[in-house]
Amino acid sequence: MGNYDEKEKEDAVRTARILAALEELARQRYDGHLTIMRFTTGWKVQLGTPDLLGGSGYAHVWMLPDCKDLNVAMAGALVSAGGQLPISMRDVVVFPVIPSPAEEGARS
């Protein structure tokens, strides 16, 4: 392993705490399903599994916000699903609001 500075260590701890909260919410409400995707435009995180075979999943994935930072994407998914952030709000300055499938259908 390499040498890590304090900021990198803090980021790793923050990532682990947000991921643990997401995993717990996924187990409680989404049969354990959690989807984390990395595209050239950024990170996308969704509780549950996108319905890629049924066709509506592609639109839903497209509508998920692109986040340059994984922690921001995970925090957005957690808060959008009604979960509690395990860290201070100042640690995640801005996070996206992810539309629910019902809200998405209303836009169509």
PDB file of N, CA and C in Angstrom:
ATOM      1  N   MET A   1       0.824  -1.181   0.000  1.00  0.00           N
ATOM      2  CA  MET A   1       0.000   0.000   0.000  1.00  0.00           C
ATOM      3  C   MET A   1       0.871   1.249   0.000  1.00  0.00           C
ATOM      4  N   GLY A   2       0.327   2.315  -0.541  1.00  0.00           N
ATOM      5  CA  GLY A   2       1.067   3.562  -0.591  1.00  0.00           C
ATOM      6  C   GLY A   2       0.871   4.394   0.649  1.00  0.00           C
ATOM      7  N   ASN A   3       1.544   5.517   0.660  1.00  0.00           N
ATOM      8  CA  ASN A   3       1.395   6.455   1.763  1.00  0.00           C
ATOM      9  C   ASN A   3       0.211   7.373   1.446  1.00  0.00           C
ATOM     10  N   TYR A   4      -0.677   7.544   2.411  1.00  0.00           N
ATOM     11  CA  TYR A   4      -1.854   8.366   2.216  1.00  0.00           C
ATOM     12  C   TYR A   4      -1.807   9.547   3.156  1.00  0.00           C
ATOM     13  N   ASP A   5      -2.192  10.721   2.649  1.00  0.00           N
ATOM     14  CA  ASP A   5      -2.240  11.874   3.533  1.00  0.00           C
ATOM     15  C   ASP A   5      -3.556  11.864   4.313  1.00  0.00           C
ATOM     16  N   GLU A   6      -3.689  12.785   5.244  1.00  0.00           N
ATOM     17  CA  GLU A   6      -4.867  12.813   6.120  1.00  0.00           C
ATOM     18  C   GLU A   6      -6.164  13.012   5.340  1.00  0.00           C
ATOM     19  N   LYS A   7      -6.144  13.853   4.297  1.00  0.00           N
ATOM     20  CA  LYS A   7      -7.361  14.092   3.507  1.00  0.00           C
ATOM     21  C   LYS A   7      -7.815  12.810   2.821  1.00  0.00           C
ATOM     22  N   GLU A   8      -6.874  12.067   2.263  1.00  0.00           N
ATOM     23  CA  GLU A   8      -7.216  10.804   1.614  1.00  0.00           C
ATOM     24  C   GLU A   8      -7.793   9.810   2.609  1.00  0.00           C
ATOM     25  N   LYS A   9      -7.240   9.772   3.808  1.00  0.00           N
ATOM     26  CA  LYS A   9      -7.766   8.886   4.846  1.00  0.00           C
ATOM     27  C   LYS A   9      -9.168   9.302   5.254  1.00  0.00           C
ATOM     28  N   GLU A  10      -9.390  10.612   5.428  1.00  0.00           N
ATOM     29  CA  GLU A  10     -10.717  11.112   5.780  1.00  0.00           C
ATOM     30  C   GLU A  10     -11.730  10.798   4.673  1.00  0.00           C
ATOM     31  N   ASP A  11     -11.322  10.969   3.410  1.00  0.00           N
ATOM     32  CA  ASP A  11     -12.210  10.650   2.282  1.00  0.00           C
ATOM     33  C   ASP A  11     -12.575   9.170   2.276  1.00  0.00           C
ATOM     34  N   ALA A  12     -11.602   8.304   2.568  1.00  0.00           N
ATOM     35  CA  ALA A  12     -11.858   6.863   2.589  1.00  0.00           C
ATOM     36  C   ALA A  12     -12.834   6.497   3.702  1.00  0.00           C
ATOM     37  N   VAL A  13     -12.678   7.109   4.859  1.00  0.00           N
ATOM     38  CA  VAL A  13     -13.591   6.852   5.980  1.00  0.00           C
ATOM     39  C   VAL A  13     -14.988   7.355   5.626  1.00  0.00           C
ATOM     40  N   ARG A  14     -15.073   8.547   5.048  1.00  0.00           N
ATOM     41  CA  ARG A  14     -16.360   9.116   4.638  1.00  0.00           C
ATOM     42  C   ARG A  14     -17.044   8.202   3.613  1.00  0.00           C
ATOM     43  N   THR A  15     -16.288   7.723   2.632  1.00  0.00           N
ATOM     44  CA  THR A  15     -16.840   6.826   1.620  1.00  0.00           C
ATOM     45  C   THR A  15     -17.374   5.553   2.264  1.00  0.00           C
ATOM     46  N   ALA A  16     -16.601   4.975   3.162  1.00  0.00           N
ATOM     47  CA  ALA A  16     -17.020   3.737   3.829  1.00  0.00           C
ATOM     48  C   ALA A  16     -18.289   3.947   4.649  1.00  0.00           C
ATOM     49  N   ARG A  17     -18.398   5.072   5.337  1.00  0.00           N
ATOM     50  CA  ARG A  17     -19.585   5.339   6.159  1.00  0.00           C
ATOM     51  C   ARG A  17     -20.835   5.546   5.302  1.00  0.00           C
ATOM     52  N   ILE A  18     -20.702   6.287   4.212  1.00  0.00           N
ATOM     53  CA  ILE A  18     -21.861   6.500   3.332  1.00  0.00           C
ATOM     54  C   ILE A  18     -22.262   5.182   2.682  1.00  0.00           C
ATOM     55  N   LEU A  19     -21.274   4.408   2.216  1.00  0.00           N
ATOM     56  CA  LEU A  19     -21.569   3.126   1.587  1.00  0.00           C
ATOM     57  C   LEU A  19     -22.256   2.181   2.571  1.00  0.00           C
ATOM     58  N   ALA A  20     -21.808   2.148   3.814  1.00  0.00           N
ATOM     59  CA  ALA A  20     -22.437   1.283   4.814  1.00  0.00           C
ATOM     60  C   ALA A  20     -23.901   1.678   5.030  1.00  0.00           C
ATOM     61  N   ALA A  21     -24.181   2.974   5.070  1.00  0.00           N
ATOM     62  CA  ALA A  21     -25.567   3.440   5.231  1.00  0.00           C
ATOM     63  C   ALA A  21     -26.402   3.069   4.005  1.00  0.00           C
ATOM     64  N   LEU A  22     -25.824   3.197   2.819  1.00  0.00           N
ATOM     65  CA  LEU A  22     -26.526   2.796   1.590  1.00  0.00           C
ATOM     66  C   LEU A  22     -26.820   1.303   1.588  1.00  0.00           C
ATOM     67  N   GLU A  23     -25.839   0.499   1.971  1.00  0.00           N
ATOM     68  CA  GLU A  23     -26.032  -0.953   2.010  1.00  0.00           C
ATOM     69  C   GLU A  23     -27.134  -1.335   2.983  1.00  0.00           C
ATOM     70  N   GLU A  24     -27.167  -0.695   4.138  1.00  0.00           N
ATOM     71  CA  GLU A  24     -28.205  -0.992   5.124  1.00  0.00           C
ATOM     72  C   GLU A  24     -29.589  -0.631   4.578  1.00  0.00           C
ATOM     73  N   LEU A  25     -29.712   0.534   3.962  1.00  0.00           N
ATOM     74  CA  LEU A  25     -30.993   0.939   3.373  1.00  0.00           C
ATOM     75  C   LEU A  25     -31.382  -0.008   2.237  1.00  0.00           C
ATOM     76  N   ALA A  26     -30.412  -0.435   1.448  1.00  0.00           N
ATOM     77  CA  ALA A  26     -30.687  -1.386   0.360  1.00  0.00           C
ATOM     78  C   ALA A  26     -31.216  -2.700   0.926  1.00  0.00           C
ATOM     79  N   ARG A  27     -30.621  -3.179   2.018  1.00  0.00           N
ATOM     80  CA  ARG A  27     -31.102  -4.418   2.645  1.00  0.00           C
ATOM     81  C   ARG A  27     -32.520  -4.246   3.186  1.00  0.00           C
ATOM     82  N   GLN A  28     -32.802  -3.088   3.782  1.00  0.00           N
ATOM     83  CA  GLN A  28     -34.106  -2.848   4.402  1.00  0.00           C
ATOM     84  C   GLN A  28     -35.230  -2.666   3.383  1.00  0.00           C
ATOM     85  N   ARG A  29     -34.953  -1.966   2.292  1.00  0.00           N
ATOM     86  CA  ARG A  29     -36.037  -1.553   1.389  1.00  0.00           C
ATOM     87  C   ARG A  29     -35.949  -2.077  -0.043  1.00  0.00           C
ATOM     88  N   TYR A  30     -34.784  -2.544  -0.462  1.00  0.00           N
ATOM     89  CA  TYR A  30     -34.594  -2.900  -1.873  1.00  0.00           C
ATOM     90  C   TYR A  30     -34.041  -4.307  -2.046  1.00  0.00           C
ATOM     91  N   ASP A  31     -34.365  -5.201  -1.130  1.00  0.00           N
ATOM     92  CA  ASP A  31     -33.916  -6.591  -1.202  1.00  0.00           C
ATOM     93  C   ASP A  31     -32.397  -6.687  -1.343  1.00  0.00           C
ATOM     94  N   GLY A  32     -31.704  -5.708  -0.787  1.00  0.00           N
ATOM     95  CA  GLY A  32     -30.246  -5.705  -0.815  1.00  0.00           C
ATOM     96  C   GLY A  32     -29.624  -5.136  -2.075  1.00  0.00           C
ATOM     97  N   HIS A  33     -30.444  -4.690  -3.024  1.00  0.00           N
ATOM     98  CA  HIS A  33     -29.916  -4.234  -4.310  1.00  0.00           C
ATOM     99  C   HIS A  33     -29.458  -2.774  -4.244  1.00  0.00           C
ATOM    100  N   LEU A  34     -28.254  -2.539  -4.747  1.00  0.00           N
ATOM    101  CA  LEU A  34     -27.636  -1.223  -4.811  1.00  0.00           C
ATOM    102  C   LEU A  34     -26.792  -1.203  -6.081  1.00  0.00           C
ATOM    103  N   THR A  35     -26.943  -0.168  -6.884  1.00  0.00           N
ATOM    104  CA  THR A  35     -26.222  -0.089  -8.151  1.00  0.00           C
ATOM    105  C   THR A  35     -25.336   1.151  -8.154  1.00  0.00           C
ATOM    106  N   ILE A  36     -24.037   0.947  -8.362  1.00  0.00           N
ATOM    107  CA  ILE A  36     -23.076   2.043  -8.471  1.00  0.00           C
ATOM    108  C   ILE A  36     -22.442   1.936  -9.853  1.00  0.00           C
ATOM    109  N   MET A  37     -22.552   3.021 -10.617  1.00  0.00           N
ATOM    110  CA  MET A  37     -22.053   3.010 -12.000  1.00  0.00           C
ATOM    111  C   MET A  37     -21.073   4.161 -12.209  1.00  0.00           C
ATOM    112  N   ARG A  38     -20.058   3.905 -13.010  1.00  0.00           N
ATOM    113  CA  ARG A  38     -19.081   4.934 -13.361  1.00  0.00           C
ATOM    114  C   ARG A  38     -19.082   5.086 -14.871  1.00  0.00           C
ATOM    115  N   PHE A  39     -19.376   6.286 -15.345  1.00  0.00           N
ATOM    116  CA  PHE A  39     -19.371   6.614 -16.767  1.00  0.00           C
ATOM    117  C   PHE A  39     -18.312   7.684 -17.019  1.00  0.00           C
ATOM    118  N   THR A  40     -18.060   7.995 -18.265  1.00  0.00           N
ATOM    119  CA  THR A  40     -17.096   9.055 -18.567  1.00  0.00           C
ATOM    120  C   THR A  40     -17.574  10.399 -18.031  1.00  0.00           C
ATOM    121  N   THR A  41     -18.879  10.558 -17.866  1.00  0.00           N
ATOM    122  CA  THR A  41     -19.433  11.815 -17.361  1.00  0.00           C
ATOM    123  C   THR A  41     -19.486  11.872 -15.839  1.00  0.00           C
ATOM    124  N   GLY A  42     -19.283  10.760 -15.164  1.00  0.00           N
ATOM    125  CA  GLY A  42     -19.283  10.770 -13.707  1.00  0.00           C
ATOM    126  C   GLY A  42     -19.936   9.539 -13.104  1.00  0.00           C
ATOM    127  N   TRP A  43     -20.154   9.605 -11.799  1.00  0.00           N
ATOM    128  CA  TRP A  43     -20.745   8.520 -11.023  1.00  0.00           C
ATOM    129  C   TRP A  43     -22.257   8.628 -11.010  1.00  0.00           C
ATOM    130  N   LYS A  44     -22.926   7.486 -10.999  1.00  0.00           N
ATOM    131  CA  LYS A  44     -24.372   7.405 -10.833  1.00  0.00           C
ATOM    132  C   LYS A  44     -24.631   6.298  -9.818  1.00  0.00           C
ATOM    133  N   VAL A  45     -25.508   6.576  -8.856  1.00  0.00           N
ATOM    134  CA  VAL A  45     -25.812   5.605  -7.809  1.00  0.00           C
ATOM    135  C   VAL A  45     -27.315   5.496  -7.675  1.00  0.00           C
ATOM    136  N   GLN A  46     -27.792   4.266  -7.551  1.00  0.00           N
ATOM    137  CA  GLN A  46     -29.228   4.008  -7.418  1.00  0.00           C
ATOM    138  C   GLN A  46     -29.449   2.888  -6.424  1.00  0.00           C
ATOM    139  N   LEU A  47     -30.397   3.073  -5.538  1.00  0.00           N
ATOM    140  CA  LEU A  47     -30.845   1.970  -4.692  1.00  0.00           C
ATOM    141  C   LEU A  47     -31.773   1.123  -5.542  1.00  0.00           C
ATOM    142  N   GLY A  48     -31.595  -0.180  -5.498  1.00  0.00           N
ATOM    143  CA  GLY A  48     -32.361  -1.064  -6.368  1.00  0.00           C
ATOM    144  C   GLY A  48     -31.551  -1.398  -7.601  1.00  0.00           C
ATOM    145  N   THR A  49     -32.210  -2.049  -8.531  1.00  0.00           N
ATOM    146  CA  THR A  49     -31.574  -2.477  -9.770  1.00  0.00           C
ATOM    147  C   THR A  49     -32.311  -1.865 -10.950  1.00  0.00           C
ATOM    148  N   PRO A  50     -31.616  -1.210 -11.873  1.00  0.00           N
ATOM    149  CA  PRO A  50     -32.318  -0.651 -13.031  1.00  0.00           C
ATOM    150  C   PRO A  50     -32.878  -1.770 -13.909  1.00  0.00           C
ATOM    151  N   ASP A  51     -34.069  -1.560 -14.423  1.00  0.00           N
ATOM    152  CA  ASP A  51     -34.725  -2.551 -15.285  1.00  0.00           C
ATOM    153  C   ASP A  51     -34.223  -2.364 -16.717  1.00  0.00           C
ATOM    154  N   LEU A  52     -33.029  -2.855 -16.978  1.00  0.00           N
ATOM    155  CA  LEU A  52     -32.435  -2.669 -18.299  1.00  0.00           C
ATOM    156  C   LEU A  52     -33.069  -3.570 -19.356  1.00  0.00           C
ATOM    157  N   LEU A  53     -33.606  -4.703 -18.962  1.00  0.00           N
ATOM    158  CA  LEU A  53     -34.234  -5.601 -19.934  1.00  0.00           C
ATOM    159  C   LEU A  53     -35.619  -5.118 -20.340  1.00  0.00           C
ATOM    160  N   GLY A  54     -36.350  -4.495 -19.424  1.00  0.00           N
ATOM    161  CA  GLY A  54     -37.701  -4.022 -19.716  1.00  0.00           C
ATOM    162  C   GLY A  54     -37.738  -2.731 -20.505  1.00  0.00           C
ATOM    163  N   GLY A  55     -36.604  -2.067 -20.596  1.00  0.00           N
ATOM    164  CA  GLY A  55     -36.546  -0.852 -21.398  1.00  0.00           C
ATOM    165  C   GLY A  55     -36.576   0.439 -20.596  1.00  0.00           C
ATOM    166  N   SER A  56     -37.326   0.491 -19.490  1.00  0.00           N
ATOM    167  CA  SER A  56     -37.433   1.743 -18.744  1.00  0.00           C
ATOM    168  C   SER A  56     -36.164   2.047 -17.953  1.00  0.00           C
ATOM    169  N   GLY A  57     -35.347   1.050 -17.714  1.00  0.00           N
ATOM    170  CA  GLY A  57     -34.132   1.238 -16.934  1.00  0.00           C
ATOM    171  C   GLY A  57     -33.125   2.147 -17.597  1.00  0.00           C
ATOM    172  N   TYR A  58     -33.038   2.099 -18.925  1.00  0.00           N
ATOM    173  CA  TYR A  58     -32.095   2.965 -19.625  1.00  0.00           C
ATOM    174  C   TYR A  58     -32.442   4.430 -19.403  1.00  0.00           C
ATOM    175  N   ALA A  59     -33.732   4.761 -19.494  1.00  0.00           N
ATOM    176  CA  ALA A  59     -34.164   6.139 -19.267  1.00  0.00           C
ATOM    177  C   ALA A  59     -33.893   6.552 -17.827  1.00  0.00           C
ATOM    178  N   HIS A  60     -34.157   5.648 -16.891  1.00  0.00           N
ATOM    179  CA  HIS A  60     -33.922   5.969 -15.485  1.00  0.00           C
ATOM    180  C   HIS A  60     -32.436   6.216 -15.224  1.00  0.00           C
ATOM    181  N   VAL A  61     -31.574   5.365 -15.747  1.00  0.00           N
ATOM    182  CA  VAL A  61     -30.133   5.541 -15.567  1.00  0.00           C
ATOM    183  C   VAL A  61     -29.695   6.862 -16.207  1.00  0.00           C
ATOM    184  N   TRP A  62     -30.219   7.186 -17.366  1.00  0.00           N
ATOM    185  CA  TRP A  62     -29.869   8.427 -18.033  1.00  0.00           C
ATOM    186  C   TRP A  62     -30.261   9.631 -17.178  1.00  0.00           C
ATOM    187  N   MET A  63     -31.404   9.538 -16.485  1.00  0.00           N
ATOM    188  CA  MET A  63     -31.895  10.653 -15.669  1.00  0.00           C
ATOM    189  C   MET A  63     -31.145  10.808 -14.347  1.00  0.00           C
ATOM    190  N   LEU A  64     -30.452   9.781 -13.903  1.00  0.00           N
ATOM    191  CA  LEU A  64     -29.680   9.913 -12.674  1.00  0.00           C
ATOM    192  C   LEU A  64     -28.621  10.989 -12.875  1.00  0.00           C
ATOM    193  N   PRO A  65     -28.394  11.814 -11.872  1.00  0.00           N
ATOM    194  CA  PRO A  65     -27.390  12.870 -12.042  1.00  0.00           C
ATOM    195  C   PRO A  65     -25.988  12.300 -12.159  1.00  0.00           C
ATOM    196  N   ASP A  66     -25.171  12.964 -12.980  1.00  0.00           N
ATOM    197  CA  ASP A  66     -23.754  12.632 -13.097  1.00  0.00           C
ATOM    198  C   ASP A  66     -23.015  13.390 -12.010  1.00  0.00           C
ATOM    199  N   CYS A  67     -22.264  12.683 -11.211  1.00  0.00           N
ATOM    200  CA  CYS A  67     -21.518  13.308 -10.120  1.00  0.00           C
ATOM    201  C   CYS A  67     -20.034  13.039 -10.309  1.00  0.00           C
ATOM    202  N   LYS A  68     -19.245  14.064 -10.236  1.00  0.00           N
ATOM    203  CA  LYS A  68     -17.790  13.897 -10.376  1.00  0.00           C
ATOM    204  C   LYS A  68     -17.197  13.172  -9.167  1.00  0.00           C
ATOM    205  N   ASP A  69     -17.896  13.224  -8.043  1.00  0.00           N
ATOM    206  CA  ASP A  69     -17.400  12.634  -6.803  1.00  0.00           C
ATOM    207  C   ASP A  69     -18.320  11.489  -6.380  1.00  0.00           C
ATOM    208  N   LEU A  70     -17.751  10.334  -6.077  1.00  0.00           N
ATOM    209  CA  LEU A  70     -18.542   9.174  -5.672  1.00  0.00           C
ATOM    210  C   LEU A  70     -19.330   9.450  -4.392  1.00  0.00           C
ATOM    211  N   ASN A  71     -18.721  10.129  -3.430  1.00  0.00           N
ATOM    212  CA  ASN A  71     -19.430  10.414  -2.183  1.00  0.00           C
ATOM    213  C   ASN A  71     -20.669  11.265  -2.422  1.00  0.00           C
ATOM    214  N   VAL A  72     -20.579  12.218  -3.323  1.00  0.00           N
ATOM    215  CA  VAL A  72     -21.727  13.072  -3.644  1.00  0.00           C
ATOM    216  C   VAL A  72     -22.832  12.228  -4.270  1.00  0.00           C
ATOM    217  N   ALA A  73     -22.473  11.326  -5.177  1.00  0.00           N
ATOM    218  CA  ALA A  73     -23.470  10.462  -5.821  1.00  0.00           C
ATOM    219  C   ALA A  73     -24.137   9.542  -4.796  1.00  0.00           C
ATOM    220  N   MET A  74     -23.337   8.968  -3.901  1.00  0.00           N
ATOM    221  CA  MET A  74     -23.907   8.074  -2.898  1.00  0.00           C
ATOM    222  C   MET A  74     -24.783   8.831  -1.910  1.00  0.00           C
ATOM    223  N   ALA A  75     -24.349  10.013  -1.495  1.00  0.00           N
ATOM    224  CA  ALA A  75     -25.149  10.817  -0.560  1.00  0.00           C
ATOM    225  C   ALA A  75     -26.470  11.222  -1.196  1.00  0.00           C
ATOM    226  N   GLY A  76     -26.439  11.579  -2.474  1.00  0.00           N
ATOM    227  CA  GLY A  76     -27.668  11.941  -3.171  1.00  0.00           C
ATOM    228  C   GLY A  76     -28.652  10.792  -3.230  1.00  0.00           C
ATOM    229  N   ALA A  77     -28.168   9.602  -3.534  1.00  0.00           N
ATOM    230  CA  ALA A  77     -29.038   8.428  -3.593  1.00  0.00           C
ATOM    231  C   ALA A  77     -29.605   8.109  -2.210  1.00  0.00           C
ATOM    232  N   LEU A  78     -28.788   8.221  -1.196  1.00  0.00           N
ATOM    233  CA  LEU A  78     -29.214   7.922   0.169  1.00  0.00           C
ATOM    234  C   LEU A  78     -30.295   8.885   0.639  1.00  0.00           C
ATOM    235  N   VAL A  79     -30.067  10.164   0.465  1.00  0.00           N
ATOM    236  CA  VAL A  79     -31.031  11.174   0.909  1.00  0.00           C
ATOM    237  C   VAL A  79     -32.299  11.118   0.061  1.00  0.00           C
ATOM    238  N   SER A  80     -32.166  10.908  -1.238  1.00  0.00           N
ATOM    239  CA  SER A  80     -33.340  10.824  -2.114  1.00  0.00           C
ATOM    240  C   SER A  80     -34.252   9.666  -1.751  1.00  0.00           C
ATOM    241  N   ALA A  81     -33.666   8.602  -1.200  1.00  0.00           N
ATOM    242  CA  ALA A  81     -34.458   7.434  -0.803  1.00  0.00           C
ATOM    243  C   ALA A  81     -34.953   7.546   0.640  1.00  0.00           C
ATOM    244  N   GLY A  82     -34.692   8.676   1.274  1.00  0.00           N
ATOM    245  CA  GLY A  82     -35.180   8.880   2.631  1.00  0.00           C
ATOM    246  C   GLY A  82     -34.251   8.396   3.721  1.00  0.00           C
ATOM    247  N   GLY A  83     -33.014   8.073   3.354  1.00  0.00           N
ATOM    248  CA  GLY A  83     -32.056   7.618   4.351  1.00  0.00           C
ATOM    249  C   GLY A  83     -31.399   8.782   5.067  1.00  0.00           C
ATOM    250  N   GLN A  84     -30.679   8.461   6.111  1.00  0.00           N
ATOM    251  CA  GLN A  84     -29.971   9.470   6.902  1.00  0.00           C
ATOM    252  C   GLN A  84     -28.485   9.426   6.571  1.00  0.00           C
ATOM    253  N   LEU A  85     -27.900  10.592   6.320  1.00  0.00           N
ATOM    254  CA  LEU A  85     -26.463  10.651   6.092  1.00  0.00           C
ATOM    255  C   LEU A  85     -25.733  10.362   7.397  1.00  0.00           C
ATOM    256  N   PRO A  86     -24.742   9.477   7.357  1.00  0.00           N
ATOM    257  CA  PRO A  86     -24.011   9.142   8.575  1.00  0.00           C
ATOM    258  C   PRO A  86     -22.889  10.141   8.870  1.00  0.00           C
ATOM    259  N   ILE A  87     -22.876  11.251   8.144  1.00  0.00           N
ATOM    260  CA  ILE A  87     -21.828  12.258   8.305  1.00  0.00           C
ATOM    261  C   ILE A  87     -22.485  13.622   8.349  1.00  0.00           C
ATOM    262  N   SER A  88     -21.721  14.621   8.681  1.00  0.00           N
ATOM    263  CA  SER A  88     -22.226  15.989   8.724  1.00  0.00           C
ATOM    264  C   SER A  88     -22.565  16.462   7.317  1.00  0.00           C
ATOM    265  N   MET A  89     -23.603  17.266   7.204  1.00  0.00           N
ATOM    266  CA  MET A  89     -23.987  17.805   5.895  1.00  0.00           C
ATOM    267  C   MET A  89     -22.870  18.642   5.300  1.00  0.00           C
ATOM    268  N   ARG A  90     -22.047  19.271   6.115  1.00  0.00           N
ATOM    269  CA  ARG A  90     -20.965  20.094   5.555  1.00  0.00           C
ATOM    270  C   ARG A  90     -19.906  19.233   4.873  1.00  0.00           C
ATOM    271  N   ASP A  91     -19.895  17.922   5.178  1.00  0.00           N
ATOM    272  CA  ASP A  91     -18.943  17.029   4.524  1.00  0.00           C
ATOM    273  C   ASP A  91     -19.355  16.699   3.091  1.00  0.00           C
ATOM    274  N   VAL A  92     -20.637  16.823   2.807  1.00  0.00           N
ATOM    275  CA  VAL A  92     -21.135  16.629   1.446  1.00  0.00           C
ATOM    276  C   VAL A  92     -21.866  17.915   1.116  1.00  0.00           C
ATOM    277  N   VAL A  93     -21.171  18.856   0.535  1.00  0.00           N
ATOM    278  CA  VAL A  93     -21.682  20.206   0.359  1.00  0.00           C
ATOM    279  C   VAL A  93     -22.901  20.236  -0.541  1.00  0.00           C
ATOM    280  N   VAL A  94     -22.822  19.611  -1.687  1.00  0.00           N
ATOM    281  CA  VAL A  94     -23.927  19.608  -2.639  1.00  0.00           C
ATOM    282  C   VAL A  94     -24.179  18.175  -3.055  1.00  0.00           C
ATOM    283  N   PHE A  95     -25.422  17.762  -3.035  1.00  0.00           N
ATOM    284  CA  PHE A  95     -25.746  16.432  -3.524  1.00  0.00           C
ATOM    285  C   PHE A  95     -27.001  16.515  -4.370  1.00  0.00           C
ATOM    286  N   PRO A  96     -27.091  15.678  -5.392  1.00  0.00           N
ATOM    287  CA  PRO A  96     -28.221  15.734  -6.319  1.00  0.00           C
ATOM    288  C   PRO A  96     -29.466  15.078  -5.740  1.00  0.00           C
ATOM    289  N   VAL A  97     -30.606  15.463  -6.276  1.00  0.00           N
ATOM    290  CA  VAL A  97     -31.860  14.799  -5.949  1.00  0.00           C
ATOM    291  C   VAL A  97     -32.181  13.876  -7.104  1.00  0.00           C
ATOM    292  N   ILE A  98     -32.357  12.607  -6.807  1.00  0.00           N
ATOM    293  CA  ILE A  98     -32.592  11.605  -7.831  1.00  0.00           C
ATOM    294  C   ILE A  98     -34.090  11.356  -7.934  1.00  0.00           C
ATOM    295  N   PRO A  99     -34.670  11.483  -9.131  1.00  0.00           N
ATOM    296  CA  PRO A  99     -36.111  11.268  -9.261  1.00  0.00           C
ATOM    297  C   PRO A  99     -36.482   9.808  -9.003  1.00  0.00           C
ATOM    298  N   SER A 100     -37.612   9.626  -8.345  1.00  0.00           N
ATOM    299  CA  SER A 100     -38.103   8.262  -8.132  1.00  0.00           C
ATOM    300  C   SER A 100     -38.696   7.767  -9.444  1.00  0.00           C
ATOM    301  N   PRO A 101     -38.855   6.443  -9.616  1.00  0.00           N
ATOM    302  CA  PRO A 101     -39.479   5.932 -10.838  1.00  0.00           C
ATOM    303  C   PRO A 101     -40.877   6.517 -11.063  1.00  0.00           C
ATOM    304  N   ALA A 102     -41.629   6.787  -9.989  1.00  0.00           N
ATOM    305  CA  ALA A 102     -42.975   7.378 -10.137  1.00  0.00           C
ATOM    306  C   ALA A 102     -42.884   8.801 -10.693  1.00  0.00           C
ATOM    307  N   GLU A 103     -41.933   9.593 -10.184  1.00  0.00           N
ATOM    308  CA  GLU A 103     -41.744  10.955 -10.692  1.00  0.00           C
ATOM    309  C   GLU A 103     -41.279  10.923 -12.142  1.00  0.00           C
ATOM    310  N   GLU A 104     -40.453   9.954 -12.444  1.00  0.00           N
ATOM    311  CA  GLU A 104     -39.940   9.804 -13.801  1.00  0.00           C
ATOM    312  C   GLU A 104     -41.083   9.514 -14.778  1.00  0.00           C
ATOM    313  N   GLY A 105     -42.004   8.629 -14.369  1.00  0.00           N
ATOM    314  CA  GLY A 105     -43.149   8.292 -15.203  1.00  0.00           C
ATOM    315  C   GLY A 105     -44.070   9.468 -15.434  1.00  0.00           C
ATOM    316  N   ALA A 106     -44.182  10.354 -14.461  1.00  0.00           N
ATOM    317  CA  ALA A 106     -45.022  11.535 -14.586  1.00  0.00           C
ATOM    318  C   ALA A 106     -44.471  12.504 -15.613  1.00  0.00           C
ATOM    319  N   ARG A 107     -43.164  12.484 -15.837  1.00  0.00           N
ATOM    320  CA  ARG A 107     -42.529  13.382 -16.806  1.00  0.00           C
ATOM    321  C   ARG A 107     -42.740  12.902 -18.237  1.00  0.00           C
ATOM    322  N   SER A 108     -42.969  11.589 -18.379  1.00  0.00           N
ATOM    323  CA  SER A 108     -43.059  11.015 -19.735  1.00  0.00           C
ATOM    324  C   SER A 108     -44.345  11.422 -20.416  1.00  0.00           C
TER     325      SER A 108
END
